[in-house]
Amino acid sequence: MTQQQYNNNNRGVLFKNERKQQANHPDYTGSCTINNIEYWISGWIKEKDEKKYFSFSFAPKQQGKNNTQDNKQQALGNTGTSFDNDDIPF
């Protein structure tokens, strides 16, 4: 019996961030593959006008030997990109 390979393209996963240490760290972290390129996902639960929503940040996974520090920062939510509620058009 042969094992069928699962296609992860254009799919991803988020997990609750158990290592959240500061308010600006994401509530959820994970990864996804879009157009065969791997990305880290950071997600925050936010609220506006008494309605909760998710805010997401995507950062390409670094390839090569110097990615260890980048991966550690991404896992904690230090993507170098931040978004305010003012950045959201609704």
PDB file of N, CA and C in Angstrom:
ATOM      1  N   MET A   1       0.847  -1.179   0.000  1.00  0.00           N
ATOM      2  CA  MET A   1       0.000   0.000   0.000  1.00  0.00           C
ATOM      3  C   MET A   1       0.885   1.232   0.000  1.00  0.00           C
ATOM      4  N   THR A   2       0.653   2.165  -0.907  1.00  0.00           N
ATOM      5  CA  THR A   2       1.453   3.382  -0.968  1.00  0.00           C
ATOM      6  C   THR A   2       0.773   4.488  -0.191  1.00  0.00           C
ATOM      7  N   GLN A   3       1.596   5.326   0.390  1.00  0.00           N
ATOM      8  CA  GLN A   3       1.086   6.446   1.173  1.00  0.00           C
ATOM      9  C   GLN A   3       0.895   7.657   0.265  1.00  0.00           C
ATOM     10  N   GLN A   4      -0.291   8.244   0.291  1.00  0.00           N
ATOM     11  CA  GLN A   4      -0.581   9.413  -0.520  1.00  0.00           C
ATOM     12  C   GLN A   4       0.006  10.645   0.152  1.00  0.00           C
ATOM     13  N   GLN A   5       0.729  11.475  -0.597  1.00  0.00           N
ATOM     14  CA  GLN A   5       1.334  12.681  -0.050  1.00  0.00           C
ATOM     15  C   GLN A   5       0.283  13.784   0.056  1.00  0.00           C
ATOM     16  N   TYR A   6       0.246  14.443   1.195  1.00  0.00           N
ATOM     17  CA  TYR A   6      -0.720  15.495   1.451  1.00  0.00           C
ATOM     18  C   TYR A   6      -0.196  16.822   0.921  1.00  0.00           C
ATOM     19  N   ASN A   7      -1.016  17.578   0.217  1.00  0.00           N
ATOM     20  CA  ASN A   7      -0.622  18.859  -0.349  1.00  0.00           C
ATOM     21  C   ASN A   7      -0.958  19.974   0.644  1.00  0.00           C
ATOM     22  N   ASN A   8       0.060  20.603   1.234  1.00  0.00           N
ATOM     23  CA  ASN A   8      -0.126  21.683   2.201  1.00  0.00           C
ATOM     24  C   ASN A   8      -0.155  23.062   1.561  1.00  0.00           C
ATOM     25  N   ASN A   9      -0.056  23.145   0.232  1.00  0.00           N
ATOM     26  CA  ASN A   9      -0.023  24.446  -0.410  1.00  0.00           C
ATOM     27  C   ASN A   9      -1.338  25.194  -0.169  1.00  0.00           C
ATOM     28  N   ASN A  10      -1.208  26.477   0.156  1.00  0.00           N
ATOM     29  CA  ASN A  10      -2.342  27.353   0.452  1.00  0.00           C
ATOM     30  C   ASN A  10      -3.122  26.900   1.688  1.00  0.00           C
ATOM     31  N   ARG A  11      -2.392  26.372   2.647  1.00  0.00           N
ATOM     32  CA  ARG A  11      -2.964  25.944   3.926  1.00  0.00           C
ATOM     33  C   ARG A  11      -2.026  26.371   5.045  1.00  0.00           C
ATOM     34  N   GLY A  12      -2.579  26.455   6.243  1.00  0.00           N
ATOM     35  CA  GLY A  12      -1.759  26.804   7.395  1.00  0.00           C
ATOM     36  C   GLY A  12      -2.411  26.353   8.680  1.00  0.00           C
ATOM     37  N   VAL A  13      -1.730  26.649   9.785  1.00  0.00           N
ATOM     38  CA  VAL A  13      -2.201  26.241  11.098  1.00  0.00           C
ATOM     39  C   VAL A  13      -1.773  27.284  12.128  1.00  0.00           C
ATOM     40  N   LEU A  14      -2.635  27.517  13.120  1.00  0.00           N
ATOM     41  CA  LEU A  14      -2.333  28.423  14.232  1.00  0.00           C
ATOM     42  C   LEU A  14      -2.504  27.674  15.548  1.00  0.00           C
ATOM     43  N   PHE A  15      -1.633  27.984  16.491  1.00  0.00           N
ATOM     44  CA  PHE A  15      -1.700  27.424  17.827  1.00  0.00           C
ATOM     45  C   PHE A  15      -1.672  28.556  18.838  1.00  0.00           C
ATOM     46  N   LYS A  16      -2.313  28.359  19.971  1.00  0.00           N
ATOM     47  CA  LYS A  16      -2.261  29.347  21.040  1.00  0.00           C
ATOM     48  C   LYS A  16      -0.802  29.528  21.453  1.00  0.00           C
ATOM     49  N   ASN A  17      -0.367  30.787  21.594  1.00  0.00           N
ATOM     50  CA  ASN A  17       1.014  31.097  21.955  1.00  0.00           C
ATOM     51  C   ASN A  17       1.199  30.906  23.462  1.00  0.00           C
ATOM     52  N   GLU A  18       1.709  29.758  23.852  1.00  0.00           N
ATOM     53  CA  GLU A  18       1.925  29.437  25.266  1.00  0.00           C
ATOM     54  C   GLU A  18       3.129  30.183  25.836  1.00  0.00           C
ATOM     55  N   ARG A  19       3.942  30.801  24.977  1.00  0.00           N
ATOM     56  CA  ARG A  19       5.143  31.514  25.428  1.00  0.00           C
ATOM     57  C   ARG A  19       4.964  33.028  25.432  1.00  0.00           C
ATOM     58  N   LYS A  20       3.742  33.495  25.338  1.00  0.00           N
ATOM     59  CA  LYS A  20       3.472  34.931  25.325  1.00  0.00           C
ATOM     60  C   LYS A  20       3.936  35.535  26.646  1.00  0.00           C
ATOM     61  N   GLN A  21       4.822  36.531  26.560  1.00  0.00           N
ATOM     62  CA  GLN A  21       5.389  37.145  27.753  1.00  0.00           C
ATOM     63  C   GLN A  21       5.052  38.632  27.867  1.00  0.00           C
ATOM     64  N   GLN A  22       4.716  39.249  26.753  1.00  0.00           N
ATOM     65  CA  GLN A  22       4.401  40.680  26.743  1.00  0.00           C
ATOM     66  C   GLN A  22       3.101  40.893  25.974  1.00  0.00           C
ATOM     67  N   ALA A  23       2.454  42.021  26.245  1.00  0.00           N
ATOM     68  CA  ALA A  23       1.158  42.302  25.619  1.00  0.00           C
ATOM     69  C   ALA A  23       1.243  42.353  24.095  1.00  0.00           C
ATOM     70  N   ASN A  24       2.385  42.764  23.551  1.00  0.00           N
ATOM     71  CA  ASN A  24       2.495  42.876  22.094  1.00  0.00           C
ATOM     72  C   ASN A  24       2.851  41.556  21.413  1.00  0.00           C
ATOM     73  N   HIS A  25       3.154  40.510  22.168  1.00  0.00           N
ATOM     74  CA  HIS A  25       3.397  39.207  21.559  1.00  0.00           C
ATOM     75  C   HIS A  25       2.061  38.658  21.047  1.00  0.00           C
ATOM     76  N   PRO A  26       2.103  37.880  19.965  1.00  0.00           N
ATOM     77  CA  PRO A  26       0.853  37.379  19.395  1.00  0.00           C
ATOM     78  C   PRO A  26       0.142  36.406  20.329  1.00  0.00           C
ATOM     79  N   ASP A  27      -1.175  36.366  20.200  1.00  0.00           N
ATOM     80  CA  ASP A  27      -1.978  35.409  20.955  1.00  0.00           C
ATOM     81  C   ASP A  27      -1.886  34.011  20.332  1.00  0.00           C
ATOM     82  N   TYR A  28      -1.669  33.970  19.020  1.00  0.00           N
ATOM     83  CA  TYR A  28      -1.552  32.712  18.288  1.00  0.00           C
ATOM     84  C   TYR A  28      -0.363  32.797  17.331  1.00  0.00           C
ATOM     85  N   THR A  29       0.315  31.676  17.117  1.00  0.00           N
ATOM     86  CA  THR A  29       1.421  31.596  16.160  1.00  0.00           C
ATOM     87  C   THR A  29       1.287  30.314  15.357  1.00  0.00           C
ATOM     88  N   GLY A  30       1.898  30.310  14.196  1.00  0.00           N
ATOM     89  CA  GLY A  30       1.867  29.117  13.370  1.00  0.00           C
ATOM     90  C   GLY A  30       2.596  29.344  12.070  1.00  0.00           C
ATOM     91  N   SER A  31       2.252  28.546  11.089  1.00  0.00           N
ATOM     92  CA  SER A  31       2.893  28.677   9.791  1.00  0.00           C
ATOM     93  C   SER A  31       1.912  28.285   8.695  1.00  0.00           C
ATOM     94  N   CYS A  32       2.255  28.696   7.486  1.00  0.00           N
ATOM     95  CA  CYS A  32       1.435  28.349   6.330  1.00  0.00           C
ATOM     96  C   CYS A  32       2.323  28.302   5.099  1.00  0.00           C
ATOM     97  N   THR A  33       1.783  27.742   4.045  1.00  0.00           N
ATOM     98  CA  THR A  33       2.455  27.709   2.754  1.00  0.00           C
ATOM     99  C   THR A  33       1.520  28.337   1.738  1.00  0.00           C
ATOM    100  N   ILE A  34       1.996  29.397   1.085  1.00  0.00           N
ATOM    101  CA  ILE A  34       1.215  30.092   0.071  1.00  0.00           C
ATOM    102  C   ILE A  34       2.034  30.131  -1.207  1.00  0.00           C
ATOM    103  N   ASN A  35       1.459  29.607  -2.271  1.00  0.00           N
ATOM    104  CA  ASN A  35       2.170  29.508  -3.554  1.00  0.00           C
ATOM    105  C   ASN A  35       3.537  28.851  -3.379  1.00  0.00           C
ATOM    106  N   ASN A  36       3.558  27.792  -2.568  1.00  0.00           N
ATOM    107  CA  ASN A  36       4.755  26.986  -2.294  1.00  0.00           C
ATOM    108  C   ASN A  36       5.854  27.752  -1.561  1.00  0.00           C
ATOM    109  N   ILE A  37       5.530  28.862  -0.914  1.00  0.00           N
ATOM    110  CA  ILE A  37       6.476  29.612  -0.089  1.00  0.00           C
ATOM    111  C   ILE A  37       5.995  29.522   1.358  1.00  0.00           C
ATOM    112  N   GLU A  38       6.898  29.161   2.276  1.00  0.00           N
ATOM    113  CA  GLU A  38       6.535  28.998   3.678  1.00  0.00           C
ATOM    114  C   GLU A  38       6.594  30.332   4.413  1.00  0.00           C
ATOM    115  N   TYR A  39       5.582  30.575   5.254  1.00  0.00           N
ATOM    116  CA  TYR A  39       5.478  31.804   6.036  1.00  0.00           C
ATOM    117  C   TYR A  39       5.201  31.473   7.496  1.00  0.00           C
ATOM    118  N   TRP A  40       5.666  32.347   8.394  1.00  0.00           N
ATOM    119  CA  TRP A  40       5.242  32.339   9.781  1.00  0.00           C
ATOM    120  C   TRP A  40       3.963  33.160   9.865  1.00  0.00           C
ATOM    121  N   ILE A  41       3.041  32.767  10.730  1.00  0.00           N
ATOM    122  CA  ILE A  41       1.821  33.526  10.975  1.00  0.00           C
ATOM    123  C   ILE A  41       1.801  33.945  12.440  1.00  0.00           C
ATOM    124  N   SER A  42       1.483  35.200  12.680  1.00  0.00           N
ATOM    125  CA  SER A  42       1.239  35.696  14.034  1.00  0.00           C
ATOM    126  C   SER A  42      -0.174  36.253  14.053  1.00  0.00           C
ATOM    127  N   GLY A  43      -0.930  35.933  15.100  1.00  0.00           N
ATOM    128  CA  GLY A  43      -2.310  36.386  15.188  1.00  0.00           C
ATOM    129  C   GLY A  43      -2.610  36.997  16.542  1.00  0.00           C
ATOM    130  N   TRP A  44      -3.329  38.110  16.515  1.00  0.00           N
ATOM    131  CA  TRP A  44      -3.717  38.809  17.737  1.00  0.00           C
ATOM    132  C   TRP A  44      -5.234  38.897  17.785  1.00  0.00           C
ATOM    133  N   ILE A  45      -5.799  38.700  18.964  1.00  0.00           N
ATOM    134  CA  ILE A  45      -7.223  38.933  19.163  1.00  0.00           C
ATOM    135  C   ILE A  45      -7.373  40.390  19.551  1.00  0.00           C
ATOM    136  N   LYS A  46      -8.156  41.129  18.791  1.00  0.00           N
ATOM    137  CA  LYS A  46      -8.354  42.559  19.043  1.00  0.00           C
ATOM    138  C   LYS A  46      -9.844  42.847  19.141  1.00  0.00           C
ATOM    139  N   GLU A  47     -10.157  44.061  19.553  1.00  0.00           N
ATOM    140  CA  GLU A  47     -11.554  44.443  19.686  1.00  0.00           C
ATOM    141  C   GLU A  47     -11.733  45.879  19.224  1.00  0.00           C
ATOM    142  N   LYS A  48     -12.811  46.097  18.474  1.00  0.00           N
ATOM    143  CA  LYS A  48     -13.174  47.439  18.025  1.00  0.00           C
ATOM    144  C   LYS A  48     -14.691  47.517  18.014  1.00  0.00           C
ATOM    145  N   ASP A  49     -15.219  48.587  18.577  1.00  0.00           N
ATOM    146  CA  ASP A  49     -16.669  48.776  18.649  1.00  0.00           C
ATOM    147  C   ASP A  49     -17.352  47.559  19.278  1.00  0.00           C
ATOM    148  N   GLU A  50     -16.732  47.046  20.322  1.00  0.00           N
ATOM    149  CA  GLU A  50     -17.236  45.908  21.096  1.00  0.00           C
ATOM    150  C   GLU A  50     -17.361  44.623  20.273  1.00  0.00           C
ATOM    151  N   LYS A  51     -16.616  44.531  19.167  1.00  0.00           N
ATOM    152  CA  LYS A  51     -16.591  43.320  18.354  1.00  0.00           C
ATOM    153  C   LYS A  51     -15.161  42.802  18.296  1.00  0.00           C
ATOM    154  N   LYS A  52     -14.988  41.524  18.568  1.00  0.00           N
ATOM    155  CA  LYS A  52     -13.666  40.906  18.530  1.00  0.00           C
ATOM    156  C   LYS A  52     -13.349  40.449  17.112  1.00  0.00           C
ATOM    157  N   TYR A  53     -12.054  40.510  16.777  1.00  0.00           N
ATOM    158  CA  TYR A  53     -11.595  40.049  15.477  1.00  0.00           C
ATOM    159  C   TYR A  53     -10.142  39.623  15.592  1.00  0.00           C
ATOM    160  N   PHE A  54      -9.649  38.928  14.568  1.00  0.00           N
ATOM    161  CA  PHE A  54      -8.247  38.537  14.489  1.00  0.00           C
ATOM    162  C   PHE A  54      -7.502  39.513  13.595  1.00  0.00           C
ATOM    163  N   SER A  55      -6.293  39.850  14.003  1.00  0.00           N
ATOM    164  CA  SER A  55      -5.363  40.604  13.179  1.00  0.00           C
ATOM    165  C   SER A  55      -4.170  39.686  12.919  1.00  0.00           C
ATOM    166  N   PHE A  56      -3.736  39.586  11.658  1.00  0.00           N
ATOM    167  CA  PHE A  56      -2.672  38.655  11.297  1.00  0.00           C
ATOM    168  C   PHE A  56      -1.462  39.374  10.707  1.00  0.00           C
ATOM    169  N   SER A  57      -0.318  38.755  10.902  1.00  0.00           N
ATOM    170  CA  SER A  57       0.927  39.189  10.284  1.00  0.00           C
ATOM    171  C   SER A  57       1.581  37.962   9.667  1.00  0.00           C
ATOM    172  N   PHE A  58       2.096  38.107   8.450  1.00  0.00           N
ATOM    173  CA  PHE A  58       2.770  37.025   7.758  1.00  0.00           C
ATOM    174  C   PHE A  58       4.210  37.448   7.473  1.00  0.00           C
ATOM    175  N   ALA A  59       5.150  36.546   7.736  1.00  0.00           N
ATOM    176  CA  ALA A  59       6.566  36.821   7.465  1.00  0.00           C
ATOM    177  C   ALA A  59       7.175  35.580   6.825  1.00  0.00           C
ATOM    178  N   PRO A  60       7.895  35.746   5.716  1.00  0.00           N
ATOM    179  CA  PRO A  60       8.502  34.575   5.070  1.00  0.00           C
ATOM    180  C   PRO A  60       9.488  33.901   6.013  1.00  0.00           C
ATOM    181  N   LYS A  61       9.487  32.573   5.992  1.00  0.00           N
ATOM    182  CA  LYS A  61      10.483  31.833   6.765  1.00  0.00           C
ATOM    183  C   LYS A  61      11.829  32.048   6.099  1.00  0.00           C
ATOM    184  N   GLN A  62      12.832  32.322   6.894  1.00  0.00           N
ATOM    185  CA  GLN A  62      14.174  32.553   6.369  1.00  0.00           C
ATOM    186  C   GLN A  62      14.826  31.223   6.006  1.00  0.00           C
ATOM    187  N   GLN A  63      15.522  31.198   4.912  1.00  0.00           N
ATOM    188  CA  GLN A  63      16.274  30.010   4.512  1.00  0.00           C
ATOM    189  C   GLN A  63      17.753  30.281   4.726  1.00  0.00           C
ATOM    190  N   GLY A  64      18.483  29.268   5.114  1.00  0.00           N
ATOM    191  CA  GLY A  64      19.915  29.429   5.299  1.00  0.00           C
ATOM    192  C   GLY A  64      20.334  29.242   6.737  1.00  0.00           C
ATOM    193  N   LYS A  65      21.638  29.403   6.990  1.00  0.00           N
ATOM    194  CA  LYS A  65      22.177  29.081   8.305  1.00  0.00           C
ATOM    195  C   LYS A  65      21.983  30.189   9.318  1.00  0.00           C
ATOM    196  N   ASN A  66      21.653  31.410   8.926  1.00  0.00           N
ATOM    197  CA  ASN A  66      21.526  32.528   9.858  1.00  0.00           C
ATOM    198  C   ASN A  66      20.092  32.772  10.295  1.00  0.00           C
ATOM    199  N   ASN A  67      19.225  31.777  10.196  1.00  0.00           N
ATOM    200  CA  ASN A  67      17.823  32.010  10.496  1.00  0.00           C
ATOM    201  C   ASN A  67      17.445  31.673  11.927  1.00  0.00           C
ATOM    202  N   THR A  68      18.330  31.157  12.753  1.00  0.00           N
ATOM    203  CA  THR A  68      17.973  30.729  14.099  1.00  0.00           C
ATOM    204  C   THR A  68      17.416  31.868  14.925  1.00  0.00           C
ATOM    205  N   GLN A  69      18.076  33.028  14.957  1.00  0.00           N
ATOM    206  CA  GLN A  69      17.590  34.163  15.743  1.00  0.00           C
ATOM    207  C   GLN A  69      16.291  34.696  15.165  1.00  0.00           C
ATOM    208  N   ASP A  70      16.170  34.756  13.852  1.00  0.00           N
ATOM    209  CA  ASP A  70      14.927  35.206  13.225  1.00  0.00           C
ATOM    210  C   ASP A  70      13.768  34.298  13.608  1.00  0.00           C
ATOM    211  N   ASN A  71      13.999  32.983  13.609  1.00  0.00           N
ATOM    212  CA  ASN A  71      12.943  32.038  13.968  1.00  0.00           C
ATOM    213  C   ASN A  71      12.530  32.196  15.419  1.00  0.00           C
ATOM    214  N   LYS A  72      13.482  32.425  16.324  1.00  0.00           N
ATOM    215  CA  LYS A  72      13.160  32.621  17.734  1.00  0.00           C
ATOM    216  C   LYS A  72      12.345  33.893  17.925  1.00  0.00           C
ATOM    217  N   GLN A  73      12.729  34.979  17.257  1.00  0.00           N
ATOM    218  CA  GLN A  73      11.982  36.226  17.364  1.00  0.00           C
ATOM    219  C   GLN A  73      10.581  36.058  16.812  1.00  0.00           C
ATOM    220  N   GLN A  74      10.440  35.350  15.692  1.00  0.00           N
ATOM    221  CA  GLN A  74       9.127  35.147  15.103  1.00  0.00           C
ATOM    222  C   GLN A  74       8.237  34.347  16.041  1.00  0.00           C
ATOM    223  N   ALA A  75       8.790  33.341  16.695  1.00  0.00           N
ATOM    224  CA  ALA A  75       7.993  32.527  17.600  1.00  0.00           C
ATOM    225  C   ALA A  75       7.433  33.353  18.748  1.00  0.00           C
ATOM    226  N   LEU A  76       8.135  34.424  19.126  1.00  0.00           N
ATOM    227  CA  LEU A  76       7.660  35.300  20.186  1.00  0.00           C
ATOM    228  C   LEU A  76       6.858  36.469  19.646  1.00  0.00           C
ATOM    229  N   GLY A  77       6.783  36.601  18.337  1.00  0.00           N
ATOM    230  CA  GLY A  77       5.959  37.647  17.752  1.00  0.00           C
ATOM    231  C   GLY A  77       6.717  38.894  17.379  1.00  0.00           C
ATOM    232  N   ASN A  78       8.032  38.873  17.387  1.00  0.00           N
ATOM    233  CA  ASN A  78       8.824  40.047  17.027  1.00  0.00           C
ATOM    234  C   ASN A  78       9.102  40.010  15.537  1.00  0.00           C
ATOM    235  N   THR A  79       8.091  40.351  14.744  1.00  0.00           N
ATOM    236  CA  THR A  79       8.208  40.242  13.297  1.00  0.00           C
ATOM    237  C   THR A  79       8.799  41.479  12.656  1.00  0.00           C
ATOM    238  N   GLY A  80       8.932  42.539  13.425  1.00  0.00           N
ATOM    239  CA  GLY A  80       9.401  43.782  12.844  1.00  0.00           C
ATOM    240  C   GLY A  80       8.277  44.554  12.180  1.00  0.00           C
ATOM    241  N   THR A  81       7.088  43.988  12.153  1.00  0.00           N
ATOM    242  CA  THR A  81       5.922  44.632  11.565  1.00  0.00           C
ATOM    243  C   THR A  81       4.861  44.745  12.635  1.00  0.00           C
ATOM    244  N   SER A  82       4.298  45.922  12.769  1.00  0.00           N
ATOM    245  CA  SER A  82       3.217  46.077  13.737  1.00  0.00           C
ATOM    246  C   SER A  82       2.048  46.766  13.062  1.00  0.00           C
ATOM    247  N   PHE A  83       0.870  46.477  13.558  1.00  0.00           N
ATOM    248  CA  PHE A  83      -0.347  47.042  13.004  1.00  0.00           C
ATOM    249  C   PHE A  83      -1.164  47.622  14.134  1.00  0.00           C
ATOM    250  N   ASP A  84      -1.750  48.775  13.908  1.00  0.00           N
ATOM    251  CA  ASP A  84      -2.667  49.391  14.852  1.00  0.00           C
ATOM    252  C   ASP A  84      -4.088  49.209  14.345  1.00  0.00           C
ATOM    253  N   ASN A  85      -5.031  49.418  15.222  1.00  0.00           N
ATOM    254  CA  ASN A  85      -6.419  49.397  14.783  1.00  0.00           C
ATOM    255  C   ASN A  85      -6.644  50.461  13.700  1.00  0.00           C
ATOM    256  N   ASP A  86      -5.869  51.543  13.737  1.00  0.00           N
ATOM    257  CA  ASP A  86      -6.005  52.604  12.742  1.00  0.00           C
ATOM    258  C   ASP A  86      -5.613  52.138  11.343  1.00  0.00           C
ATOM    259  N   ASP A  87      -4.817  51.054  11.261  1.00  0.00           N
ATOM    260  CA  ASP A  87      -4.392  50.541   9.974  1.00  0.00           C
ATOM    261  C   ASP A  87      -5.476  49.708   9.305  1.00  0.00           C
ATOM    262  N   ILE A  88      -6.512  49.360  10.045  1.00  0.00           N
ATOM    263  CA  ILE A  88      -7.564  48.493   9.533  1.00  0.00           C
ATOM    264  C   ILE A  88      -8.675  49.361   8.955  1.00  0.00           C
ATOM    265  N   PRO A  89      -9.069  49.096   7.715  1.00  0.00           N
ATOM    266  CA  PRO A  89      -9.998  49.990   7.035  1.00  0.00           C
ATOM    267  C   PRO A  89     -11.463  49.860   7.467  1.00  0.00           C
ATOM    268  N   PHE A  90     -11.765  49.085   8.498  1.00  0.00           N
ATOM    269  CA  PHE A  90     -13.162  48.971   8.925  1.00  0.00           C
ATOM    270  C   PHE A  90     -13.282  49.212  10.391  1.00  0.00           C
TER     271      PHE A  90
END
